[in-house]
Amino acid sequence: MSGTHDLEHYVAELRRRHRDLRPPGVPHEVGYPAGLITIPQHVSHWATRRPDHVALRMDDRFWTYAQLDDTHRRVATWMSARGVSKGDRVALFLGNSPEFAIAFLALLRLGAVHVPVNPMFQPAELAYELLDAEPVMIVTSSALRPVIRKCDDRVPEISELVVDSPEWSDALRHAPFESDDGDLDSLAALNYTGGTTGMPKGCRHSQGHMLYTAASAATATRMPSDGSYVGLCYLPIFWIAGEDLGLLIPFVLGGTSILMPRWSAERALDAIEEHGVTLMTGTVENYLELMALEGIKERDLSSLVDPQAVSFVRKMTPEVRAQWAEIVPGSVLRESSFGMTETHTIDATPYGFDADDLDLRSEPVFCGIPVPGTDIAVVEMGTLQPTPLGEVGEIIVRSPSVTDGYWRNETATREQLVDGWIHTGDNGRIDADGFLHYLGRRKEMIKVNGMSVFPADVEMLLAQHPAVDSVAVVPTDDPTTGQRPVAFVVLRDGATMEAAALIAWCRENMAPYKVPLVAVVDQLPMTATGKVRKNELASEASALGGQVVS
């Protein structure tokens, strides 16, 4: 109990610091532009207030709020007639598309449970999630149906709605569903974690979680609700970050969501200019590719007031920011946010802390402060005992969007969800000012002669080398020091650099215990959502046997 008591005093002090740190004009309390209503009710609300305002667009197809409200209600009627009702799980096995958004709203209106499934899954992966979630219906496309058919021998028969078939056209001819059977508190989504360790787990989320995430993110970064918000989303919307950016935030704000099926620098540039995009989130590589387009300085990107980058492989640096500022004066390229599937992803933001590149020059990785309504603490691993400011521990999060637990996995729920706090398994620290710093997954921490080495730290330092394009760091056993970091480095186009030369640079720029072994590679193994498969690199690191390779 003393740990909990200490934690509450610690959190109260952090809240005071965060109120002082919050950028000018950012409210301390979450604002809800249309009130505490469900996500489909938001669409209906804006359909009344802004019926002709474009809510959703992909390529040359678009839906105004009035049309989106009408269309998703018709699909809800079709689903209801086929037995879908409150609490039933419905799988969406689709890529980015307007049909995904429409089906998402329809099943939430019915009070059903949204189960987004990675459209890149192959039969074994698909079968696992279908058997775990037990959906009563799967919404898919004709291109993906062959993958479903390969699961027929291991998954019970499931009703299907194919969005590019006569069935979908039939659904659109039904009368609009009149009521809203959803609410803010009931189970509304099973968002599966990536499964990089063990099998994926379904995080239980409600529409209340969805609404808080969208509203708190908008409050923390001053997103407008006057209809001027235009978000460009090419992140996969089956992924919870894509759900936030491509569906929840625009619909809660009454703005416009522009979906792209996948990244294309040329198409993104055209969309920004043509539709006045105000917010885009992509990898650092996406921005570098965009800036490398011929004639980019003659294009009008002035609407893009909040460009956000994610440092999965290439790291965000002051140099990348300066390059962007030359092309789009007054627009500040920044890191996106800290979060995880269990919290609906947007927990802390570095928004507003870019003066003198404070956010990029601070010890990695600078995450800023929590969004209004969220508490973040750093504690002794596996406890609720806070560590002193500046010391490393486990990041824990408490907010109105923290998962209710894992679907049919009470053991994992008890281990990670304690007294309303989710144990993230992430190493981090909160500095003396109150800023959060992320240092990597707990299982990734490397011990060298008893000293803690955090992969994110070494990665960010190595990223400063002018020949380094991307880098990923994992541990390997060492008979002398216990462990050593191993850096897998991809060089920039045209660069030549031996591993030994990179190690020599590291010795000049890092504490001795952080200096890694180096392997220069052509590419890094990636997950479907753009993260490095560090488990594969760990196996390769073990095979190095303490040898430096190039």
Protein backbone atom coordinates (compact mmCIF):
# COMPACT_ATOMS: atom_id res chain seq x y z
CA MET A 1 0.00 0.00 0.00
CA SER A 2 2.89 2.36 0.70
CA GLY A 3 3.92 2.13 -2.95
CA THR A 4 0.46 3.21 -4.08
CA HIS A 5 0.44 6.04 -1.54
CA ASP A 6 3.86 7.26 -2.70
CA LEU A 7 2.74 6.99 -6.32
CA GLU A 8 -0.24 9.28 -5.82
CA HIS A 9 1.95 11.97 -4.23
CA TYR A 10 4.43 11.57 -7.09
CA VAL A 11 1.66 11.87 -9.71
CA ALA A 12 0.20 14.97 -8.03
CA GLU A 13 3.62 16.66 -8.22
CA LEU A 14 4.04 15.67 -11.87
CA ARG A 15 0.62 17.07 -12.72
CA ARG A 16 1.70 20.40 -11.21
CA ARG A 17 4.87 20.39 -13.32
CA HIS A 18 2.98 19.46 -16.45
CA ARG A 19 0.53 22.32 -15.99
CA ASP A 20 3.52 24.68 -15.90
CA LEU A 21 5.13 23.02 -18.94
CA ARG A 22 2.05 22.84 -21.16
CA PRO A 23 2.50 25.08 -24.22
CA PRO A 24 0.57 28.38 -24.34
CA GLY A 25 -2.95 27.97 -25.63
CA VAL A 26 -3.17 24.25 -24.78
CA PRO A 27 -6.01 23.65 -22.29
CA HIS A 28 -5.43 21.64 -19.13
CA GLU A 29 -8.73 19.79 -19.50
CA VAL A 30 -9.94 17.66 -22.41
CA GLY A 31 -12.46 19.31 -24.69
CA TYR A 32 -15.19 17.32 -26.43
CA PRO A 33 -16.41 19.31 -29.45
CA ALA A 34 -19.73 17.46 -29.80
CA GLY A 35 -20.05 16.21 -26.22
CA LEU A 36 -19.85 12.73 -24.71
CA ILE A 37 -21.56 10.80 -27.50
CA THR A 38 -20.64 7.70 -29.49
CA ILE A 39 -18.52 7.78 -32.63
CA PRO A 40 -21.50 7.17 -34.98
CA GLN A 41 -23.41 9.89 -33.13
CA HIS A 42 -20.55 12.25 -33.93
CA VAL A 43 -21.08 11.56 -37.63
CA SER A 44 -24.81 12.23 -37.19
CA HIS A 45 -24.04 15.41 -35.23
CA TRP A 46 -21.85 16.81 -37.99
CA ALA A 47 -24.35 15.62 -40.61
CA THR A 48 -26.79 18.03 -38.99
CA ARG A 49 -24.31 20.88 -38.49
CA ARG A 50 -22.23 20.45 -41.68
CA PRO A 51 -24.19 18.19 -44.03
CA ASP A 52 -22.22 19.13 -47.15
CA HIS A 53 -18.78 19.09 -45.56
CA VAL A 54 -16.59 16.26 -46.91
CA ALA A 55 -16.04 13.69 -44.16
CA LEU A 56 -14.22 10.97 -46.07
CA ARG A 57 -12.29 10.86 -49.31
CA MET A 58 -10.18 8.39 -51.23
CA ASP A 59 -8.96 9.26 -54.71
CA ASP A 60 -11.97 10.62 -56.62
CA ARG A 61 -14.59 9.12 -54.27
CA PHE A 62 -15.90 11.14 -51.35
CA TRP A 63 -18.71 11.20 -48.79
CA THR A 64 -20.11 14.30 -47.13
CA TYR A 65 -21.20 13.97 -43.50
CA ALA A 66 -24.82 13.65 -44.63
CA GLN A 67 -23.86 10.88 -47.07
CA LEU A 68 -21.59 9.07 -44.60
CA ASP A 69 -24.31 9.16 -41.95
CA ASP A 70 -26.87 7.74 -44.39
CA THR A 71 -24.54 5.12 -45.90
CA HIS A 72 -23.25 3.59 -42.68
CA ARG A 73 -26.79 3.41 -41.28
CA ARG A 74 -27.88 1.41 -44.37
CA VAL A 75 -25.03 -1.04 -43.92
CA ALA A 76 -25.98 -1.34 -40.24
CA THR A 77 -29.51 -2.33 -41.26
CA TRP A 78 -28.14 -5.00 -43.60
CA MET A 79 -25.88 -6.36 -40.84
CA SER A 80 -28.72 -6.32 -38.32
CA ALA A 81 -30.98 -8.25 -40.69
CA ARG A 82 -28.31 -10.95 -40.81
CA GLY A 83 -28.13 -11.29 -37.05
CA VAL A 84 -25.40 -8.89 -35.98
CA SER A 85 -26.35 -7.32 -32.67
CA LYS A 86 -24.87 -5.72 -29.56
CA GLY A 87 -21.78 -7.51 -28.29
CA ASP A 88 -21.21 -9.60 -31.43
CA ARG A 89 -17.68 -9.50 -32.81
CA VAL A 90 -17.30 -8.53 -36.47
CA ALA A 91 -13.91 -8.89 -38.20
CA LEU A 92 -12.80 -6.28 -40.74
CA PHE A 93 -10.29 -8.03 -43.01
CA LEU A 94 -9.67 -5.12 -45.36
CA GLY A 95 -7.00 -2.68 -46.42
CA ASN A 96 -7.43 1.09 -46.24
CA SER A 97 -10.69 1.91 -47.98
CA PRO A 98 -13.89 3.93 -47.52
CA GLU A 99 -15.73 0.61 -47.08
CA PHE A 100 -13.62 -0.11 -44.01
CA ALA A 101 -14.67 3.24 -42.49
CA ILE A 102 -18.33 2.70 -43.36
CA ALA A 103 -18.41 -0.84 -41.93
CA PHE A 104 -16.59 0.38 -38.81
CA LEU A 105 -19.28 2.99 -38.14
CA ALA A 106 -22.07 0.55 -38.95
CA LEU A 107 -21.02 -2.07 -36.47
CA LEU A 108 -20.39 0.52 -33.74
CA ARG A 109 -23.91 1.83 -34.33
CA LEU A 110 -25.20 -1.70 -33.74
CA GLY A 111 -23.20 -1.94 -30.52
CA ALA A 112 -21.15 -4.72 -32.09
CA VAL A 113 -17.41 -5.21 -31.54
CA HIS A 114 -14.88 -4.06 -34.14
CA VAL A 115 -12.13 -6.64 -34.75
CA PRO A 116 -9.61 -5.19 -37.25
CA VAL A 117 -7.47 -7.86 -38.91
CA ASN A 118 -4.21 -7.27 -40.74
CA PRO A 119 -4.97 -7.65 -44.49
CA MET A 120 -1.44 -8.96 -45.01
CA PHE A 121 -2.14 -12.00 -42.83
CA GLN A 122 -1.71 -15.44 -44.31
CA PRO A 123 -3.95 -18.41 -43.36
CA ALA A 124 -2.28 -19.47 -40.10
CA GLU A 125 -2.21 -15.90 -38.76
CA LEU A 126 -5.78 -15.19 -39.86
CA ALA A 127 -7.07 -18.45 -38.39
CA TYR A 128 -5.50 -17.67 -35.02
CA GLU A 129 -7.29 -14.32 -34.66
CA LEU A 130 -10.60 -15.65 -35.98
CA LEU A 131 -10.51 -18.57 -33.55
CA ASP A 132 -9.61 -16.24 -30.68
CA ALA A 133 -12.18 -13.50 -31.39
CA GLU A 134 -14.95 -15.78 -32.75
CA PRO A 135 -16.59 -13.15 -34.97
CA VAL A 136 -20.09 -13.74 -36.28
CA MET A 137 -19.25 -11.95 -39.54
CA ILE A 138 -16.19 -11.02 -41.54
CA VAL A 139 -16.16 -7.98 -43.83
CA THR A 140 -13.64 -8.43 -46.61
CA SER A 141 -12.89 -8.02 -50.32
CA SER A 142 -12.88 -10.48 -53.20
CA ALA A 143 -9.07 -10.19 -53.36
CA LEU A 144 -8.74 -11.43 -49.78
CA ARG A 145 -11.39 -14.16 -49.88
CA PRO A 146 -8.88 -16.83 -51.06
CA VAL A 147 -6.97 -16.40 -47.77
CA ILE A 148 -10.20 -16.93 -45.84
CA ARG A 149 -11.00 -20.04 -47.90
CA LYS A 150 -7.65 -21.53 -46.87
CA CYS A 151 -8.84 -21.29 -43.26
CA ASP A 152 -12.05 -23.24 -43.87
CA ASP A 153 -10.59 -26.46 -42.49
CA ARG A 154 -9.64 -24.90 -39.14
CA VAL A 155 -12.20 -22.13 -38.55
CA PRO A 156 -15.99 -22.59 -38.18
CA GLU A 157 -18.07 -21.08 -40.98
CA ILE A 158 -18.47 -17.32 -40.66
CA SER A 159 -20.95 -15.09 -42.44
CA GLU A 160 -19.26 -12.76 -44.96
CA LEU A 161 -19.87 -9.33 -46.42
CA VAL A 162 -17.72 -8.74 -49.50
CA VAL A 163 -17.43 -5.01 -50.16
CA ASP A 164 -16.83 -5.28 -53.92
CA SER A 165 -19.76 -7.58 -54.60
CA PRO A 166 -23.51 -7.26 -55.27
CA GLU A 167 -24.07 -7.87 -51.54
CA TRP A 168 -22.55 -4.50 -50.70
CA SER A 169 -24.72 -2.80 -53.31
CA ASP A 170 -27.71 -4.57 -51.81
CA ALA A 171 -26.74 -3.34 -48.33
CA LEU A 172 -26.72 0.26 -49.60
CA ARG A 173 -30.33 -0.12 -50.77
CA HIS A 174 -31.59 -0.92 -47.28
CA ALA A 175 -33.37 1.67 -45.16
CA PRO A 176 -31.12 3.56 -42.74
CA PHE A 177 -30.84 2.11 -39.23
CA GLU A 178 -32.77 4.49 -37.02
CA SER A 179 -31.34 3.98 -33.54
CA ASP A 180 -27.87 3.84 -32.02
CA ASP A 181 -27.41 0.66 -29.98
CA GLY A 182 -23.83 1.46 -29.01
CA ASP A 183 -22.64 3.25 -25.88
CA LEU A 184 -19.43 4.65 -24.45
CA ASP A 185 -18.81 1.93 -21.86
CA SER A 186 -19.42 -1.45 -23.50
CA LEU A 187 -16.81 -3.49 -25.34
CA ALA A 188 -16.49 -1.95 -28.82
CA ALA A 189 -13.17 -3.20 -30.19
CA LEU A 190 -10.60 -5.95 -29.92
CA ASN A 191 -7.34 -4.41 -31.10
CA TYR A 192 -4.73 -7.13 -31.30
CA THR A 193 -1.16 -6.42 -30.26
CA GLY A 194 1.58 -7.16 -32.76
CA GLY A 195 2.63 -10.44 -31.19
CA THR A 196 6.38 -9.78 -31.37
CA THR A 197 6.66 -11.79 -28.17
CA GLY A 198 4.21 -14.66 -27.89
CA MET A 199 0.89 -14.81 -29.69
CA PRO A 200 -1.12 -11.61 -30.26
CA LYS A 201 -3.52 -10.58 -27.51
CA GLY A 202 -6.79 -8.72 -28.08
CA CYS A 203 -6.93 -5.43 -26.16
CA ARG A 204 -10.47 -4.68 -25.05
CA HIS A 205 -11.48 -1.12 -25.87
CA SER A 206 -14.74 0.82 -25.63
CA GLN A 207 -16.10 3.73 -27.63
CA GLY A 208 -15.32 5.83 -24.57
CA HIS A 209 -11.66 4.93 -25.04
CA MET A 210 -11.87 5.90 -28.70
CA LEU A 211 -13.52 9.23 -27.93
CA TYR A 212 -11.08 10.17 -25.18
CA THR A 213 -8.09 9.34 -27.39
CA ALA A 214 -9.33 11.55 -30.22
CA ALA A 215 -10.42 14.42 -27.96
CA SER A 216 -7.32 14.41 -25.74
CA ALA A 217 -4.96 14.29 -28.75
CA ALA A 218 -6.85 17.18 -30.33
CA THR A 219 -6.74 19.17 -27.09
CA ALA A 220 -3.02 18.56 -26.54
CA THR A 221 -2.03 19.68 -30.03
CA ARG A 222 -4.67 22.35 -30.67
CA MET A 223 -6.43 20.56 -33.53
CA PRO A 224 -9.43 22.63 -34.68
CA SER A 225 -13.06 21.44 -34.63
CA ASP A 226 -14.35 24.17 -36.95
CA GLY A 227 -14.21 21.94 -40.02
CA SER A 228 -10.73 23.03 -41.11
CA TYR A 229 -9.01 19.84 -39.94
CA VAL A 230 -7.90 17.71 -42.91
CA GLY A 231 -5.95 14.56 -42.08
CA LEU A 232 -4.05 12.47 -44.62
CA CYS A 233 -3.78 8.84 -43.51
CA TYR A 234 -1.85 6.12 -45.28
CA LEU A 235 -0.97 4.28 -42.08
CA PRO A 236 -2.95 1.02 -42.07
CA ILE A 237 -6.28 1.72 -40.40
CA PHE A 238 -6.48 -1.86 -39.09
CA TRP A 239 -3.58 -0.66 -36.90
CA ILE A 240 -4.80 1.33 -33.90
CA ALA A 241 -2.65 4.39 -34.75
CA GLY A 242 -4.23 4.41 -38.21
CA GLU A 243 -7.67 4.04 -36.64
CA ASP A 244 -6.99 7.14 -34.54
CA LEU A 245 -5.65 9.21 -37.43
CA GLY A 246 -7.82 7.98 -40.28
CA LEU A 247 -11.15 7.52 -38.51
CA LEU A 248 -11.53 8.74 -34.94
CA ILE A 249 -9.85 12.14 -34.89
CA PRO A 250 -11.42 13.49 -38.11
CA PHE A 251 -14.92 12.23 -37.25
CA VAL A 252 -14.79 13.52 -33.67
CA LEU A 253 -13.59 16.93 -34.88
CA GLY A 254 -16.01 17.15 -37.79
CA GLY A 255 -13.08 17.42 -40.18
CA THR A 256 -12.04 15.49 -43.26
CA SER A 257 -10.25 12.16 -43.52
CA ILE A 258 -8.29 11.53 -46.70
CA LEU A 259 -7.33 7.89 -46.98
CA MET A 260 -4.60 6.46 -49.15
CA PRO A 261 -4.28 2.70 -49.65
CA ARG A 262 -0.53 2.89 -49.10
CA TRP A 263 2.33 5.37 -49.10
CA SER A 264 3.13 7.19 -52.32
CA ALA A 265 5.16 10.40 -52.14
CA GLU A 266 3.69 11.69 -55.39
CA ARG A 267 0.09 10.97 -54.38
CA ALA A 268 0.64 12.42 -50.92
CA LEU A 269 2.04 15.62 -52.39
CA ASP A 270 -0.92 15.98 -54.75
CA ALA A 271 -3.38 15.36 -51.89
CA ILE A 272 -1.73 17.92 -49.61
CA GLU A 273 -1.94 20.61 -52.29
CA GLU A 274 -5.38 19.78 -53.64
CA HIS A 275 -7.22 19.25 -50.36
CA GLY A 276 -5.32 21.50 -47.96
CA VAL A 277 -4.10 18.73 -45.67
CA THR A 278 -3.34 20.07 -42.18
CA LEU A 279 -1.97 16.92 -40.49
CA MET A 280 -0.01 13.95 -41.78
CA THR A 281 1.82 11.23 -39.88
CA GLY A 282 4.45 9.09 -41.53
CA THR A 283 7.89 7.65 -41.06
CA VAL A 284 11.02 9.77 -41.32
CA GLU A 285 11.71 7.90 -44.56
CA ASN A 286 8.36 9.09 -45.95
CA TYR A 287 9.30 12.73 -45.35
CA LEU A 288 12.77 12.28 -46.84
CA GLU A 289 11.22 10.76 -49.96
CA LEU A 290 8.69 13.57 -50.16
CA MET A 291 11.40 16.22 -49.85
CA ALA A 292 13.45 14.52 -52.56
CA LEU A 293 10.70 14.88 -55.20
CA GLU A 294 11.63 16.98 -58.18
CA GLY A 295 10.12 20.46 -57.98
CA ILE A 296 9.07 20.08 -54.34
CA LYS A 297 10.07 23.67 -53.50
CA GLU A 298 7.62 24.99 -56.06
CA ARG A 299 4.68 23.09 -54.57
CA ASP A 300 2.33 24.59 -51.98
CA LEU A 301 2.53 22.67 -48.70
CA SER A 302 1.63 25.63 -46.51
CA SER A 303 -1.58 24.02 -45.22
CA LEU A 304 0.43 21.27 -43.48
CA VAL A 305 0.66 22.93 -40.07
CA ASP A 306 1.31 19.73 -38.10
CA PRO A 307 3.51 17.24 -39.97
CA GLN A 308 4.38 14.33 -37.68
CA ALA A 309 7.16 11.78 -38.06
CA VAL A 310 7.65 8.33 -36.56
CA SER A 311 11.23 7.15 -36.00
CA PHE A 312 10.88 3.43 -36.60
CA VAL A 313 14.13 3.00 -38.56
CA ARG A 314 15.51 6.38 -39.69
CA LYS A 315 15.60 8.75 -36.74
CA MET A 316 14.19 12.24 -36.57
CA THR A 317 17.06 14.74 -36.28
CA PRO A 318 17.51 18.53 -36.25
CA GLU A 319 18.97 18.20 -39.75
CA VAL A 320 15.81 16.52 -41.09
CA ARG A 321 13.69 19.20 -39.42
CA ALA A 322 15.82 21.98 -40.90
CA GLN A 323 15.55 20.43 -44.36
CA TRP A 324 11.75 20.39 -44.01
CA ALA A 325 11.67 24.01 -42.79
CA GLU A 326 13.52 25.12 -45.92
CA ILE A 327 10.74 23.62 -48.06
CA VAL A 328 7.78 24.59 -45.85
CA PRO A 329 8.69 27.74 -43.89
CA GLY A 330 6.86 27.98 -40.59
CA SER A 331 5.90 24.29 -40.54
CA VAL A 332 7.61 22.32 -37.74
CA LEU A 333 8.25 18.65 -38.41
CA ARG A 334 8.08 16.77 -35.11
CA GLU A 335 7.92 13.32 -33.60
CA SER A 336 4.38 12.05 -33.28
CA SER A 337 3.49 10.63 -29.87
CA PHE A 338 4.25 7.96 -27.29
CA GLY A 339 1.70 5.22 -26.81
CA MET A 340 0.77 1.58 -27.23
CA THR A 341 -2.19 -0.53 -28.32
CA GLU A 342 -3.20 -1.06 -24.69
CA THR A 343 -3.70 2.70 -24.21
CA HIS A 344 -5.09 3.50 -27.67
CA THR A 345 -1.64 4.96 -28.50
CA ILE A 346 -1.67 8.74 -27.95
CA ASP A 347 -0.46 9.17 -24.35
CA ALA A 348 2.31 11.79 -24.49
CA THR A 349 3.31 14.32 -27.10
CA PRO A 350 6.36 16.52 -27.73
CA TYR A 351 4.10 19.16 -29.33
CA GLY A 352 5.28 22.68 -28.56
CA PHE A 353 8.76 21.78 -27.30
CA ASP A 354 10.70 22.36 -30.52
CA ALA A 355 12.37 25.67 -29.57
CA ASP A 356 16.11 25.29 -30.18
CA ASP A 357 15.31 21.66 -31.08
CA LEU A 358 14.91 20.83 -27.38
CA ASP A 359 12.82 17.78 -28.27
CA LEU A 360 15.41 16.39 -30.69
CA ARG A 361 18.60 17.27 -28.80
CA SER A 362 17.50 15.92 -25.42
CA GLU A 363 18.68 12.49 -24.40
CA PRO A 364 16.70 9.97 -26.44
CA VAL A 365 13.90 9.53 -26.85
CA PHE A 366 12.09 12.75 -25.83
CA CYS A 367 8.32 12.13 -25.55
CA GLY A 368 7.22 15.43 -24.00
CA ILE A 369 4.39 15.42 -21.48
CA PRO A 370 1.13 13.46 -21.12
CA VAL A 371 -1.96 14.62 -22.95
CA PRO A 372 -4.58 16.19 -20.65
CA GLY A 373 -6.30 13.57 -18.51
CA THR A 374 -3.45 11.03 -18.71
CA ASP A 375 -0.95 10.19 -15.97
CA ILE A 376 2.44 8.66 -16.74
CA ALA A 377 4.86 7.45 -14.07
CA VAL A 378 8.19 5.65 -13.97
CA VAL A 379 8.39 2.96 -11.30
CA GLU A 380 10.60 0.15 -10.09
CA MET A 381 10.09 -2.70 -12.52
CA GLY A 382 6.88 -4.64 -11.87
CA THR A 383 5.82 -2.47 -8.90
CA LEU A 384 3.95 0.75 -8.22
CA GLN A 385 6.90 2.28 -6.38
CA PRO A 386 8.01 5.44 -8.23
CA THR A 387 11.67 5.97 -9.04
CA PRO A 388 13.26 9.35 -8.28
CA LEU A 389 13.11 11.84 -11.14
CA GLY A 390 15.96 11.24 -13.55
CA GLU A 391 16.30 7.54 -12.75
CA VAL A 392 15.36 4.75 -15.13
CA GLY A 393 12.46 2.41 -14.45
CA GLU A 394 9.34 1.00 -16.07
CA ILE A 395 6.85 3.38 -17.70
CA ILE A 396 3.28 2.91 -16.49
CA VAL A 397 0.20 4.73 -17.80
CA ARG A 398 -3.23 5.54 -16.37
CA SER A 399 -5.88 7.20 -18.52
CA PRO A 400 -9.54 7.00 -19.60
CA SER A 401 -8.40 4.99 -22.66
CA VAL A 402 -6.39 2.24 -20.96
CA THR A 403 -7.67 -1.18 -22.01
CA ASP A 404 -10.16 -2.99 -19.81
CA GLY A 405 -7.91 -6.04 -20.17
CA TYR A 406 -6.96 -8.73 -22.65
CA TRP A 407 -9.64 -10.75 -24.39
CA ARG A 408 -9.92 -14.19 -22.76
CA ASN A 409 -6.52 -13.81 -21.10
CA GLU A 410 -7.01 -13.02 -17.43
CA THR A 411 -3.44 -14.01 -16.55
CA ALA A 412 -1.97 -11.33 -18.82
CA THR A 413 -4.60 -8.86 -17.59
CA ARG A 414 -3.62 -9.39 -13.94
CA GLU A 415 0.08 -9.09 -14.77
CA GLN A 416 -0.10 -5.85 -16.73
CA LEU A 417 -3.20 -4.01 -15.44
CA VAL A 418 -2.81 -3.08 -11.75
CA ASP A 419 -4.99 -0.56 -9.91
CA GLY A 420 -5.90 1.14 -13.18
CA TRP A 421 -2.27 1.41 -14.34
CA ILE A 422 -1.00 -0.46 -17.39
CA HIS A 423 2.55 -1.76 -17.05
CA THR A 424 4.06 -1.04 -20.46
CA GLY A 425 7.23 -3.10 -20.17
CA ASP A 426 9.06 -0.04 -21.52
CA ASN A 427 12.15 1.45 -19.93
CA GLY A 428 12.05 5.18 -19.43
CA ARG A 429 12.72 8.05 -17.13
CA ILE A 430 11.08 11.34 -16.21
CA ASP A 431 13.62 14.14 -15.97
CA ALA A 432 13.75 16.88 -13.36
CA ASP A 433 11.51 19.14 -15.44
CA GLY A 434 8.84 16.45 -15.84
CA PHE A 435 9.52 15.38 -19.44
CA LEU A 436 9.16 11.71 -20.36
CA HIS A 437 12.04 9.90 -22.10
CA TYR A 438 11.57 6.49 -23.74
CA LEU A 439 14.51 4.09 -23.62
CA GLY A 440 13.19 0.93 -25.22
CA ARG A 441 11.48 -2.31 -24.26
CA ARG A 442 12.39 -3.89 -20.93
CA LYS A 443 13.47 -7.10 -22.64
CA GLU A 444 15.75 -5.12 -24.96
CA MET A 445 17.86 -3.56 -22.19
CA ILE A 446 21.51 -4.61 -22.43
CA LYS A 447 23.76 -5.08 -19.39
CA VAL A 448 27.46 -4.40 -20.02
CA ASN A 449 29.61 -4.97 -16.92
CA GLY A 450 26.51 -4.17 -14.89
CA MET A 451 25.88 -0.90 -16.76
CA SER A 452 22.52 -0.45 -18.48
CA VAL A 453 22.67 0.20 -22.21
CA PHE A 454 19.42 1.16 -23.93
CA PRO A 455 19.15 0.33 -27.65
CA ALA A 456 17.29 3.56 -28.39
CA ASP A 457 20.20 5.54 -26.95
CA VAL A 458 22.82 3.84 -29.14
CA GLU A 459 20.54 4.02 -32.19
CA MET A 460 19.99 7.75 -31.83
CA LEU A 461 23.70 8.39 -31.34
CA LEU A 462 24.71 6.29 -34.35
CA ALA A 463 22.06 8.02 -36.46
CA GLN A 464 24.15 11.19 -36.16
CA HIS A 465 26.88 9.66 -38.32
CA PRO A 466 26.58 11.14 -41.82
CA ALA A 467 26.99 7.74 -43.53
CA VAL A 468 24.27 6.01 -41.50
CA ASP A 469 20.82 5.70 -43.04
CA SER A 470 19.19 3.47 -40.42
CA VAL A 471 20.26 1.38 -37.47
CA ALA A 472 18.85 -1.20 -35.07
CA VAL A 473 20.59 -2.34 -31.88
CA VAL A 474 20.16 -5.69 -30.10
CA PRO A 475 22.17 -7.53 -27.41
CA THR A 476 24.52 -10.47 -27.70
CA ASP A 477 26.22 -12.47 -24.96
CA ASP A 478 29.86 -11.66 -24.21
CA PRO A 479 32.11 -13.83 -22.01
CA THR A 480 33.92 -10.80 -20.59
CA THR A 481 31.25 -8.13 -20.14
CA GLY A 482 28.13 -10.30 -19.89
CA GLN A 483 26.48 -8.66 -22.89
CA ARG A 484 27.43 -6.32 -25.72
CA PRO A 485 25.24 -4.17 -27.98
CA VAL A 486 25.28 -5.10 -31.65
CA ALA A 487 24.33 -2.41 -34.17
CA PHE A 488 22.99 -3.47 -37.55
CA VAL A 489 23.63 -0.50 -39.81
CA VAL A 490 22.24 0.36 -43.24
CA LEU A 491 24.34 2.98 -45.03
CA ARG A 492 23.02 5.90 -47.03
CA ASP A 493 22.94 5.53 -50.80
CA GLY A 494 26.43 6.01 -52.19
CA ALA A 495 28.15 5.81 -48.80
CA THR A 496 30.95 3.36 -48.13
CA MET A 497 32.01 2.61 -44.57
CA GLU A 498 33.65 -0.35 -42.91
CA ALA A 499 32.28 -1.65 -39.63
CA ALA A 500 35.64 -0.99 -37.97
CA ALA A 501 35.45 2.70 -38.94
CA LEU A 502 31.98 3.00 -37.45
CA ILE A 503 33.17 1.38 -34.24
CA ALA A 504 36.05 3.84 -34.10
CA TRP A 505 33.53 6.71 -34.48
CA CYS A 506 31.45 5.22 -31.67
CA ARG A 507 34.48 5.11 -29.38
CA GLU A 508 34.95 8.84 -29.96
CA ASN A 509 31.29 9.71 -29.39
CA MET A 510 29.93 7.29 -26.76
CA ALA A 511 30.74 6.07 -23.29
CA PRO A 512 32.95 2.96 -23.60
CA TYR A 513 30.31 0.54 -22.31
CA LYS A 514 27.85 1.68 -25.02
CA VAL A 515 30.21 1.08 -27.96
CA PRO A 516 28.61 -1.65 -30.08
CA LEU A 517 29.81 -4.35 -32.36
CA VAL A 518 28.74 -3.33 -35.86
CA ALA A 519 27.34 -5.26 -38.77
CA VAL A 520 26.81 -3.34 -42.01
CA VAL A 521 23.78 -4.81 -43.80
CA ASP A 522 21.80 -4.09 -46.95
CA GLN A 523 18.44 -3.83 -45.15
CA LEU A 524 16.71 -4.46 -41.84
CA PRO A 525 13.96 -7.09 -41.44
CA MET A 526 10.62 -5.31 -40.98
CA THR A 527 7.17 -6.14 -39.65
CA ALA A 528 4.00 -5.38 -41.62
CA THR A 529 3.56 -2.18 -39.60
CA GLY A 530 7.03 -0.84 -40.31
CA LYS A 531 8.88 -1.87 -37.16
CA VAL A 532 12.20 -3.70 -37.07
CA ARG A 533 12.02 -7.43 -36.32
CA LYS A 534 14.57 -7.33 -33.53
CA ASN A 535 14.00 -10.96 -32.62
CA GLU A 536 15.48 -11.91 -36.01
CA LEU A 537 18.42 -9.56 -35.51
CA ALA A 538 19.06 -11.03 -32.04
CA SER A 539 19.56 -14.45 -33.62
CA GLU A 540 21.99 -12.95 -36.14
CA ALA A 541 23.81 -11.12 -33.36
CA SER A 542 24.34 -14.39 -31.48
CA ALA A 543 25.78 -15.93 -34.63
CA LEU A 544 28.42 -13.19 -34.82
CA GLY A 545 30.22 -14.79 -31.89
CA GLY A 546 31.81 -11.53 -30.85
CA GLN A 547 33.15 -10.82 -34.32
CA VAL A 548 32.95 -7.44 -36.00
CA VAL A 549 31.59 -7.83 -39.52
CA SER A 550 31.21 -5.49 -42.47
